[in-house]
Amino acid sequence: MNKIIHKAGDRGVAEHGWLHSKHSFSFASYYNPDKLGFGFLRVLNDDIVEPGAGFGTHPHKDMEIVSIVFDGALEHKDSLGTGSVINKDDVQVMSAGTGVTHSEFNHSKSEKVNFLQLWIFPKEENIKPHYDQKSFPEDKRINKLVTAVSGDKKKEALYIHQNAEIDLGYLQKNKKVDRAITFPGNGLYVFVTEGKIDVDGEVLNKKDALGLTSISEVSIKSLVDSKFIIVEVPVN
């Protein structure tokens, strides 16, 4: 097993007035040669957008883009003709493929929105762009892992064009869960959104992350009530 720890305070910071962002990996004006991604996971941004503000229309190509809303509501519009509001506990997937433009705005005029956005390299390029969205209510995932995104079409999850998965975890204090690798050879990137957990002996606090490679399974124990995501991606 190989490990890499990314502490919350070591993330890149972007302050734009309307946007408060923390970058786990090099992104935009933040560059760290030691943080260019984790395997095929290229971006993990922790964004807070002020009321009524947002990202204007911009393009993407050949990337699997996943947004997970933790608080507030995010309004989405794209060149596929899709228009939707992504609420708390919703997960959105957009396969950019041959090319797509979209905008993202805080749907509220009074409340902030906090969401994670992840970019994962696809296993094939120039696919037809695709959009999907699904709710994963918190009370349905207590003390277990729920797979929200997967490259396995047999699972009841949002599909992406990569042998990868994203799990949502919510463990009450002193609860434990094991996570086995779905696609052999993949690594796991564990990111804590709330609380404090122990991942095979490594203690992670809020917004800390742990990357694991050369593994088949890990054990996660919550030291307090905790929420986290697990990103399984190819690393070679």
Protein backbone atom coordinates (compact mmCIF):
# COMPACT_ATOMS: atom_id res chain seq x y z
CA MET A 1 0.00 0.00 0.00
CA ASN A 2 1.26 3.46 -0.94
CA LYS A 3 -0.13 6.57 0.76
CA ILE A 4 -0.17 10.30 0.12
CA ILE A 5 -1.75 12.72 2.59
CA HIS A 6 -3.13 16.10 1.55
CA LYS A 7 -3.94 18.30 4.55
CA ALA A 8 -6.81 20.79 4.33
CA GLY A 9 -4.53 23.76 4.94
CA ASP A 10 -2.21 22.79 2.08
CA ARG A 11 -4.84 23.23 -0.61
CA GLY A 12 -4.63 26.04 -3.15
CA VAL A 13 -6.76 29.09 -2.36
CA ALA A 14 -8.68 31.29 -4.79
CA GLU A 15 -10.60 34.31 -3.50
CA HIS A 16 -12.61 36.24 -6.08
CA GLY A 17 -15.15 38.00 -3.88
CA TRP A 18 -18.09 36.11 -5.33
CA LEU A 19 -16.19 32.79 -5.27
CA HIS A 20 -14.25 31.19 -2.42
CA SER A 21 -12.45 28.10 -3.70
CA LYS A 22 -10.00 25.54 -2.34
CA HIS A 23 -8.10 23.41 -4.87
CA SER A 24 -6.84 19.95 -3.96
CA PHE A 25 -4.82 19.90 -7.19
CA SER A 26 -3.21 22.48 -9.47
CA PHE A 27 -5.95 24.58 -11.07
CA ALA A 28 -6.14 27.99 -12.77
CA SER A 29 -3.65 30.33 -11.02
CA TYR A 30 -2.73 27.73 -8.39
CA TYR A 31 0.15 25.53 -9.48
CA ASN A 32 1.97 22.90 -7.45
CA PRO A 33 4.12 20.43 -9.42
CA ASP A 34 3.53 17.85 -6.70
CA LYS A 35 -0.25 18.16 -7.03
CA LEU A 36 -1.20 17.61 -10.65
CA GLY A 37 -3.95 15.14 -9.81
CA PHE A 38 -4.39 11.66 -8.41
CA GLY A 39 -4.28 9.17 -11.23
CA PHE A 40 -7.12 10.03 -13.61
CA LEU A 41 -8.67 12.41 -11.06
CA ARG A 42 -7.52 15.79 -12.34
CA VAL A 43 -9.55 18.32 -10.32
CA LEU A 44 -11.21 18.41 -6.91
CA ASN A 45 -12.41 21.93 -6.14
CA ASP A 46 -14.28 22.87 -2.97
CA ASP A 47 -16.32 25.92 -4.02
CA ILE A 48 -18.50 28.39 -2.14
CA VAL A 49 -20.41 30.82 -4.37
CA GLU A 50 -22.05 33.96 -3.06
CA PRO A 51 -25.82 34.54 -3.61
CA GLY A 52 -26.76 35.31 -7.21
CA ALA A 53 -23.21 34.88 -8.49
CA GLY A 54 -21.62 32.17 -10.57
CA PHE A 55 -19.55 30.93 -13.48
CA GLY A 56 -20.55 32.37 -16.85
CA THR A 57 -20.78 30.22 -19.98
CA HIS A 58 -17.52 28.38 -20.63
CA PRO A 59 -16.43 25.30 -22.63
CA HIS A 60 -15.28 21.78 -21.72
CA LYS A 61 -14.10 18.88 -23.86
CA ASP A 62 -13.18 15.23 -23.20
CA MET A 63 -13.72 15.33 -19.45
CA GLU A 64 -16.12 13.68 -16.99
CA ILE A 65 -17.32 16.50 -14.72
CA VAL A 66 -19.07 15.69 -11.43
CA SER A 67 -20.69 18.23 -9.11
CA ILE A 68 -21.83 17.32 -5.58
CA VAL A 69 -23.89 19.93 -3.69
CA PHE A 70 -23.60 19.99 0.12
CA ASP A 71 -25.45 23.21 0.95
CA GLY A 72 -27.67 25.51 -1.08
CA ALA A 73 -28.65 25.12 -4.72
CA LEU A 74 -26.66 25.37 -7.95
CA GLU A 75 -28.34 26.38 -11.21
CA HIS A 76 -27.01 24.74 -14.39
CA LYS A 77 -27.52 25.52 -18.07
CA ASP A 78 -25.67 24.00 -21.01
CA SER A 79 -25.48 23.78 -24.79
CA LEU A 80 -27.23 20.39 -24.67
CA GLY A 81 -30.42 22.26 -23.84
CA THR A 82 -30.33 21.16 -20.22
CA GLY A 83 -31.46 23.51 -17.50
CA SER A 84 -31.74 22.35 -13.91
CA VAL A 85 -31.22 23.18 -10.26
CA ILE A 86 -28.87 20.94 -8.30
CA ASN A 87 -29.97 20.91 -4.67
CA LYS A 88 -28.38 19.68 -1.44
CA ASP A 89 -27.50 15.96 -1.69
CA ASP A 90 -27.84 16.04 -5.49
CA VAL A 91 -25.05 14.79 -7.75
CA GLN A 92 -24.67 15.91 -11.35
CA VAL A 93 -22.59 14.29 -14.10
CA MET A 94 -21.69 15.97 -17.38
CA SER A 95 -19.68 14.05 -19.96
CA ALA A 96 -18.16 16.80 -22.07
CA GLY A 97 -17.03 14.53 -24.91
CA THR A 98 -16.81 16.30 -28.28
CA GLY A 99 -17.51 19.61 -26.57
CA VAL A 100 -20.09 21.40 -24.46
CA THR A 101 -20.55 24.86 -22.98
CA HIS A 102 -22.30 25.48 -19.69
CA SER A 103 -22.84 27.97 -16.88
CA GLU A 104 -23.23 27.46 -13.14
CA PHE A 105 -24.83 29.99 -10.82
CA ASN A 106 -25.98 30.14 -7.24
CA HIS A 107 -29.74 29.67 -7.57
CA SER A 108 -30.42 31.64 -4.39
CA LYS A 109 -30.38 35.42 -3.99
CA SER A 110 -29.79 35.15 -0.23
CA GLU A 111 -27.94 31.90 0.62
CA LYS A 112 -24.48 30.67 -0.35
CA VAL A 113 -24.01 27.39 -2.20
CA ASN A 114 -21.20 24.96 -1.37
CA PHE A 115 -20.32 22.19 -3.78
CA LEU A 116 -17.46 19.96 -4.85
CA GLN A 117 -16.55 19.72 -8.49
CA LEU A 118 -14.42 16.84 -9.74
CA TRP A 119 -12.90 16.29 -13.17
CA ILE A 120 -11.98 12.78 -14.24
CA PHE A 121 -10.26 11.95 -17.52
CA PRO A 122 -12.48 9.66 -19.68
CA LYS A 123 -11.38 6.32 -21.09
CA GLU A 124 -12.46 7.36 -24.58
CA GLU A 125 -12.44 10.71 -26.35
CA ASN A 126 -14.90 12.44 -28.68
CA ILE A 127 -18.00 10.76 -27.26
CA LYS A 128 -21.42 12.35 -27.57
CA PRO A 129 -21.90 14.82 -24.68
CA HIS A 130 -24.22 13.61 -21.93
CA TYR A 131 -25.87 15.03 -18.79
CA ASP A 132 -27.50 13.33 -15.81
CA GLN A 133 -28.49 14.15 -12.24
CA LYS A 134 -29.73 12.24 -9.21
CA SER A 135 -30.50 12.82 -5.52
CA PHE A 136 -28.80 10.80 -2.79
CA PRO A 137 -30.60 11.80 0.43
CA GLU A 138 -28.45 11.82 3.54
CA ASP A 139 -30.91 9.70 5.54
CA LYS A 140 -30.59 6.92 2.96
CA ARG A 141 -26.82 6.56 3.41
CA ILE A 142 -26.33 6.53 7.18
CA ASN A 143 -23.55 4.15 8.26
CA LYS A 144 -22.89 2.87 4.76
CA LEU A 145 -21.36 3.81 1.45
CA VAL A 146 -23.59 4.75 -1.47
CA THR A 147 -22.11 4.67 -4.97
CA ALA A 148 -23.27 7.87 -6.67
CA VAL A 149 -21.11 7.68 -9.81
CA SER A 150 -19.75 4.64 -11.60
CA GLY A 151 -18.33 3.35 -14.86
CA ASP A 152 -20.22 0.10 -14.21
CA LYS A 153 -23.59 0.39 -15.95
CA LYS A 154 -24.99 -2.42 -13.79
CA LYS A 155 -24.99 -0.18 -10.72
CA GLU A 156 -27.77 2.22 -9.81
CA ALA A 157 -25.48 5.19 -10.11
CA LEU A 158 -24.80 8.02 -12.53
CA TYR A 159 -22.69 6.68 -15.40
CA ILE A 160 -19.32 8.10 -16.44
CA HIS A 161 -17.02 7.01 -19.25
CA GLN A 162 -14.24 5.72 -17.05
CA ASN A 163 -13.50 2.69 -14.85
CA ALA A 164 -14.03 4.85 -11.80
CA GLU A 165 -16.50 5.37 -8.95
CA ILE A 166 -17.48 8.01 -6.42
CA ASP A 167 -19.01 6.92 -3.11
CA LEU A 168 -20.78 9.10 -0.56
CA GLY A 169 -20.19 8.10 3.06
CA TYR A 170 -21.95 9.15 6.26
CA LEU A 171 -20.85 7.34 9.42
CA GLN A 172 -22.04 8.02 12.93
CA LYS A 173 -19.43 8.01 15.71
CA ASN A 174 -17.44 4.76 16.04
CA LYS A 175 -19.06 3.13 13.03
CA LYS A 176 -16.93 1.28 10.52
CA VAL A 177 -17.15 0.38 6.86
CA ASP A 178 -14.89 -1.53 4.49
CA ARG A 179 -14.35 -0.48 0.89
CA ALA A 180 -13.00 -2.94 -1.68
CA ILE A 181 -11.61 -1.86 -5.05
CA THR A 182 -14.20 -2.28 -7.83
CA PHE A 183 -11.82 -2.07 -10.79
CA PRO A 184 -8.54 -3.96 -10.18
CA GLY A 185 -5.47 -1.74 -10.17
CA ASN A 186 -7.35 1.42 -9.23
CA GLY A 187 -6.47 3.72 -6.34
CA LEU A 188 -8.69 5.46 -3.79
CA TYR A 189 -8.80 9.13 -2.88
CA VAL A 190 -10.67 9.77 0.39
CA PHE A 191 -11.80 13.35 1.10
CA VAL A 192 -13.44 14.32 4.42
CA THR A 193 -16.24 16.87 4.14
CA GLU A 194 -17.28 16.82 7.82
CA GLY A 195 -15.92 15.21 10.97
CA LYS A 196 -12.91 12.98 11.62
CA ILE A 197 -12.16 9.49 10.35
CA ASP A 198 -9.48 6.81 10.57
CA VAL A 199 -8.50 5.17 7.28
CA ASP A 200 -6.33 2.13 7.97
CA GLY A 201 -4.50 3.96 10.77
CA GLU A 202 -4.34 7.41 9.15
CA VAL A 203 -6.47 10.02 10.94
CA LEU A 204 -8.11 12.59 8.67
CA ASN A 205 -9.84 15.75 9.84
CA LYS A 206 -12.33 17.94 7.99
CA LYS A 207 -11.19 18.65 4.40
CA ASP A 208 -8.11 16.41 4.73
CA ALA A 209 -7.57 13.81 2.01
CA LEU A 210 -5.71 10.54 1.63
CA GLY A 211 -4.65 8.91 -1.62
CA LEU A 212 -4.07 5.14 -1.60
CA THR A 213 -2.56 2.95 -4.31
CA SER A 214 -1.52 -0.70 -4.55
CA ILE A 215 -4.49 -1.77 -2.44
CA SER A 216 -7.45 -4.15 -2.66
CA GLU A 217 -9.50 -2.93 0.33
CA VAL A 218 -9.47 -0.32 3.10
CA SER A 219 -11.26 0.06 6.42
CA ILE A 220 -12.75 3.38 7.49
CA LYS A 221 -13.84 4.20 11.04
CA SER A 222 -15.53 7.41 12.15
CA LEU A 223 -14.08 9.03 15.28
CA VAL A 224 -17.03 11.46 15.39
CA ASP A 225 -20.10 11.74 13.18
CA SER A 226 -18.46 12.13 9.77
CA LYS A 227 -19.17 12.64 6.08
CA PHE A 228 -16.72 11.91 3.27
CA ILE A 229 -16.38 10.92 -0.34
CA ILE A 230 -14.31 8.13 -1.85
CA VAL A 231 -13.06 8.53 -5.40
CA GLU A 232 -11.84 5.34 -7.06
CA VAL A 233 -9.86 5.99 -10.24
CA PRO A 234 -7.27 4.37 -12.47
CA VAL A 235 -3.80 5.45 -11.40
CA ASN A 236 -1.80 4.18 -14.38
